[in-house]
Amino acid sequence: MAETEDLQQIILGCGRNDRASQEKLYKQFYAPLFCLCRRFFPNTDDAVEALNDGMLKVFEKIGSYQEGKGRFFTWVYTIVRNTAIDKFRKDISVPATDPAGLEETLIEESTYGNPAKGLEELDLVVLFEGLSPASRVISTLFYLEGYKIREIAETLGISAGTVKWHLSESRKKLKSIFDKYVSQ
């Protein structure tokens, strides 16, 4: 209960633009939010930049948080995740057209099976680093964040066929990595 009260005090302090409260909130959520940003950016500097940009948005919007609509951490997580997606979208260009004309290919989401199931999140971050930047972000959104193919396409401004292609290529590449990883 004291933790909740402490968090409430920190949130109120952040609402008053109190730098000490902002620092406490940043430090309290740093580890999980940094891991989130590392899913999108293998470069530590880019991950920290996305995290910092996201936390600035949190501090700017903290007055709009409504306790009755969900947990505070979930609200912060969503803002930081969306900031990382926006940064990725600006930094990395994903081809707008489907490789090899896969737009016509109808592949159901269920055919992608989650190769990440049963692995620890830290393991996944390391394994996903072997993917291209676009495939890593698309795989993260699909397998770890639970986005649907259509949602990924809309979020990144690309076609559903391109998303499917990246998932297919990622699955092929990760299969050999997972087989080695699991057999050790």
Protein backbone atom coordinates (compact mmCIF):
# COMPACT_ATOMS: atom_id res chain seq x y z
CA MET A 1 0.00 0.00 0.00
CA ALA A 2 2.87 2.40 0.75
CA GLU A 3 4.18 1.83 -2.77
CA THR A 4 0.87 2.98 -4.25
CA GLU A 5 0.82 6.03 -2.00
CA ASP A 6 4.41 6.82 -2.95
CA LEU A 7 3.55 6.52 -6.65
CA GLN A 8 0.54 8.78 -6.16
CA GLN A 9 2.78 11.40 -4.52
CA ILE A 10 5.29 11.10 -7.37
CA ILE A 11 2.50 11.50 -9.96
CA LEU A 12 1.17 14.58 -8.15
CA GLY A 13 4.70 16.01 -8.00
CA CYS A 14 5.18 15.39 -11.72
CA GLY A 15 1.89 17.19 -12.33
CA ARG A 16 3.40 20.21 -10.55
CA ASN A 17 6.47 19.88 -12.80
CA ASP A 18 8.61 19.00 -9.76
CA ARG A 19 11.99 17.81 -11.11
CA ALA A 20 12.69 15.55 -8.12
CA SER A 21 9.36 13.73 -8.67
CA GLN A 22 10.10 13.40 -12.37
CA GLU A 23 13.49 11.90 -11.59
CA LYS A 24 11.92 9.40 -9.14
CA LEU A 25 9.33 8.34 -11.72
CA TYR A 26 11.99 8.00 -14.43
CA LYS A 27 14.20 5.85 -12.19
CA GLN A 28 11.27 3.73 -10.99
CA PHE A 29 10.23 2.74 -14.52
CA TYR A 30 13.61 2.93 -16.28
CA ALA A 31 14.45 -0.80 -16.42
CA PRO A 32 11.24 -2.14 -18.00
CA LEU A 33 10.91 0.82 -20.34
CA PHE A 34 14.53 0.53 -21.43
CA CYS A 35 13.94 -3.16 -22.22
CA LEU A 36 10.89 -2.14 -24.24
CA CYS A 37 12.92 0.38 -26.26
CA ARG A 38 15.74 -2.12 -26.80
CA ARG A 39 13.21 -4.31 -28.62
CA PHE A 40 13.04 -1.61 -31.27
CA PHE A 41 16.63 -0.38 -31.25
CA PRO A 42 19.71 -2.58 -30.76
CA ASN A 43 21.82 0.54 -30.33
CA THR A 44 21.72 1.60 -26.67
CA ASP A 45 21.86 5.30 -27.53
CA ASP A 46 18.81 5.02 -29.79
CA ALA A 47 16.92 3.04 -27.14
CA VAL A 48 17.71 5.62 -24.45
CA GLU A 49 16.74 8.45 -26.80
CA ALA A 50 13.35 6.81 -27.47
CA LEU A 51 12.87 6.24 -23.73
CA ASN A 52 13.76 9.84 -22.90
CA ASP A 53 11.49 11.22 -25.61
CA GLY A 54 8.68 9.02 -24.34
CA MET A 55 9.17 10.09 -20.73
CA LEU A 56 9.11 13.75 -21.78
CA LYS A 57 5.70 13.07 -23.33
CA VAL A 58 4.62 11.36 -20.10
CA PHE A 59 5.63 14.43 -18.08
CA GLU A 60 3.84 16.73 -20.54
CA LYS A 61 0.63 14.65 -20.52
CA ILE A 62 0.60 13.48 -16.90
CA GLY A 63 -2.39 15.67 -16.13
CA SER A 64 -4.48 13.67 -18.60
CA TYR A 65 -3.90 10.33 -16.84
CA GLN A 66 -7.16 8.95 -15.46
CA GLU A 67 -6.77 6.32 -12.75
CA GLY A 68 -10.16 4.77 -13.49
CA LYS A 69 -9.12 3.90 -17.06
CA GLY A 70 -6.17 1.66 -16.18
CA ARG A 71 -2.91 1.23 -14.35
CA PHE A 72 -0.46 4.10 -14.44
CA PHE A 73 2.41 1.92 -15.63
CA THR A 74 0.30 0.68 -18.57
CA TRP A 75 -0.40 4.30 -19.52
CA VAL A 76 3.30 5.19 -19.35
CA TYR A 77 4.29 2.01 -21.22
CA THR A 78 1.86 2.83 -24.05
CA ILE A 79 3.22 6.35 -24.44
CA VAL A 80 6.84 5.18 -24.49
CA ARG A 81 6.05 2.29 -26.90
CA ASN A 82 4.26 4.65 -29.29
CA THR A 83 7.16 7.09 -29.09
CA ALA A 84 9.59 4.29 -29.96
CA ILE A 85 7.40 3.28 -32.91
CA ASP A 86 7.33 6.89 -34.12
CA LYS A 87 11.11 7.15 -33.81
CA PHE A 88 11.53 3.88 -35.67
CA ARG A 89 9.20 5.08 -38.41
CA LYS A 90 11.29 8.26 -38.84
CA ASP A 91 14.70 6.57 -38.61
CA ILE A 92 14.18 3.46 -40.69
CA SER A 93 12.43 3.28 -44.00
CA VAL A 94 10.43 0.14 -44.65
CA PRO A 95 9.71 -0.51 -48.33
CA ALA A 96 6.20 0.65 -49.15
CA THR A 97 5.73 -2.08 -51.71
CA ASP A 98 5.57 -5.79 -51.06
CA PRO A 99 8.72 -7.77 -51.80
CA ALA A 100 8.03 -10.35 -54.50
CA GLY A 101 4.40 -9.20 -54.82
CA LEU A 102 3.23 -10.72 -51.55
CA GLU A 103 0.33 -8.29 -51.32
CA GLU A 104 -1.75 -10.88 -53.17
CA THR A 105 -0.73 -13.68 -50.84
CA LEU A 106 -3.34 -14.49 -48.24
CA ILE A 107 -1.65 -15.75 -45.13
CA GLU A 108 -3.66 -15.98 -41.95
CA GLU A 109 -2.10 -14.67 -38.76
CA SER A 110 -2.48 -18.06 -37.13
CA THR A 111 0.05 -19.52 -39.59
CA TYR A 112 2.79 -17.45 -38.01
CA GLY A 113 2.83 -19.42 -34.75
CA ASN A 114 4.66 -17.63 -31.99
CA PRO A 115 8.29 -18.80 -32.04
CA ALA A 116 8.85 -16.62 -28.97
CA LYS A 117 6.49 -18.61 -26.77
CA GLY A 118 8.21 -19.95 -23.69
CA LEU A 119 11.36 -17.84 -23.95
CA GLU A 120 12.32 -15.19 -21.45
CA GLU A 121 11.95 -11.58 -22.59
CA LEU A 122 15.67 -10.87 -22.26
CA ASP A 123 16.41 -13.90 -24.46
CA LEU A 124 14.02 -12.55 -27.07
CA VAL A 125 15.60 -9.11 -27.10
CA VAL A 126 18.98 -10.71 -27.80
CA LEU A 127 17.60 -13.09 -30.44
CA PHE A 128 15.59 -10.39 -32.21
CA GLU A 129 18.76 -8.32 -32.57
CA GLY A 130 19.79 -10.75 -35.32
CA LEU A 131 16.93 -9.49 -37.49
CA SER A 132 16.95 -6.47 -39.77
CA PRO A 133 15.64 -3.31 -38.07
CA ALA A 134 12.28 -3.45 -39.87
CA SER A 135 11.80 -7.18 -39.22
CA ARG A 136 12.77 -6.75 -35.57
CA VAL A 137 10.17 -4.03 -35.00
CA ILE A 138 7.45 -5.90 -36.89
CA SER A 139 8.22 -9.14 -35.01
CA THR A 140 8.25 -7.28 -31.70
CA LEU A 141 4.88 -5.72 -32.39
CA PHE A 142 3.38 -9.01 -33.58
CA TYR A 143 4.87 -11.61 -31.22
CA LEU A 144 5.55 -9.59 -28.07
CA GLU A 145 3.07 -6.72 -28.15
CA GLY A 146 0.17 -8.70 -29.65
CA TYR A 147 -0.58 -6.38 -32.55
CA LYS A 148 -2.54 -7.80 -35.49
CA ILE A 149 -1.03 -7.64 -38.98
CA ARG A 150 -3.50 -4.94 -40.01
CA GLU A 151 -2.63 -2.86 -36.92
CA ILE A 152 1.11 -3.12 -37.63
CA ALA A 153 0.55 -2.05 -41.23
CA GLU A 154 -1.51 0.95 -40.13
CA THR A 155 0.91 1.89 -37.33
CA LEU A 156 3.99 1.77 -39.57
CA GLY A 157 2.27 3.08 -42.69
CA ILE A 158 3.07 0.01 -44.80
CA SER A 159 0.98 -2.64 -46.52
CA ALA A 160 -0.23 -5.80 -44.78
CA GLY A 161 1.66 -7.82 -47.39
CA THR A 162 4.92 -6.18 -46.36
CA VAL A 163 4.21 -7.02 -42.72
CA LYS A 164 3.50 -10.64 -43.69
CA TRP A 165 6.71 -10.82 -45.68
CA HIS A 166 8.77 -9.55 -42.73
CA LEU A 167 7.09 -12.04 -40.39
CA SER A 168 7.73 -14.88 -42.80
CA GLU A 169 11.38 -13.92 -43.27
CA SER A 170 11.83 -13.43 -39.53
CA ARG A 171 10.34 -16.81 -38.77
CA LYS A 172 12.70 -18.50 -41.25
CA LYS A 173 15.74 -16.74 -39.82
CA LEU A 174 14.71 -17.23 -36.19
CA LYS A 175 13.89 -20.91 -36.64
CA SER A 176 17.55 -21.80 -37.12
CA ILE A 177 18.56 -19.48 -34.26
CA PHE A 178 15.89 -20.96 -31.95
CA ASP A 179 16.87 -24.52 -32.89
CA LYS A 180 20.50 -23.80 -31.92
CA TYR A 181 19.47 -21.86 -28.82
CA VAL A 182 17.07 -24.54 -27.52
CA SER A 183 19.43 -27.44 -28.24
CA GLN A 184 22.21 -25.92 -26.10
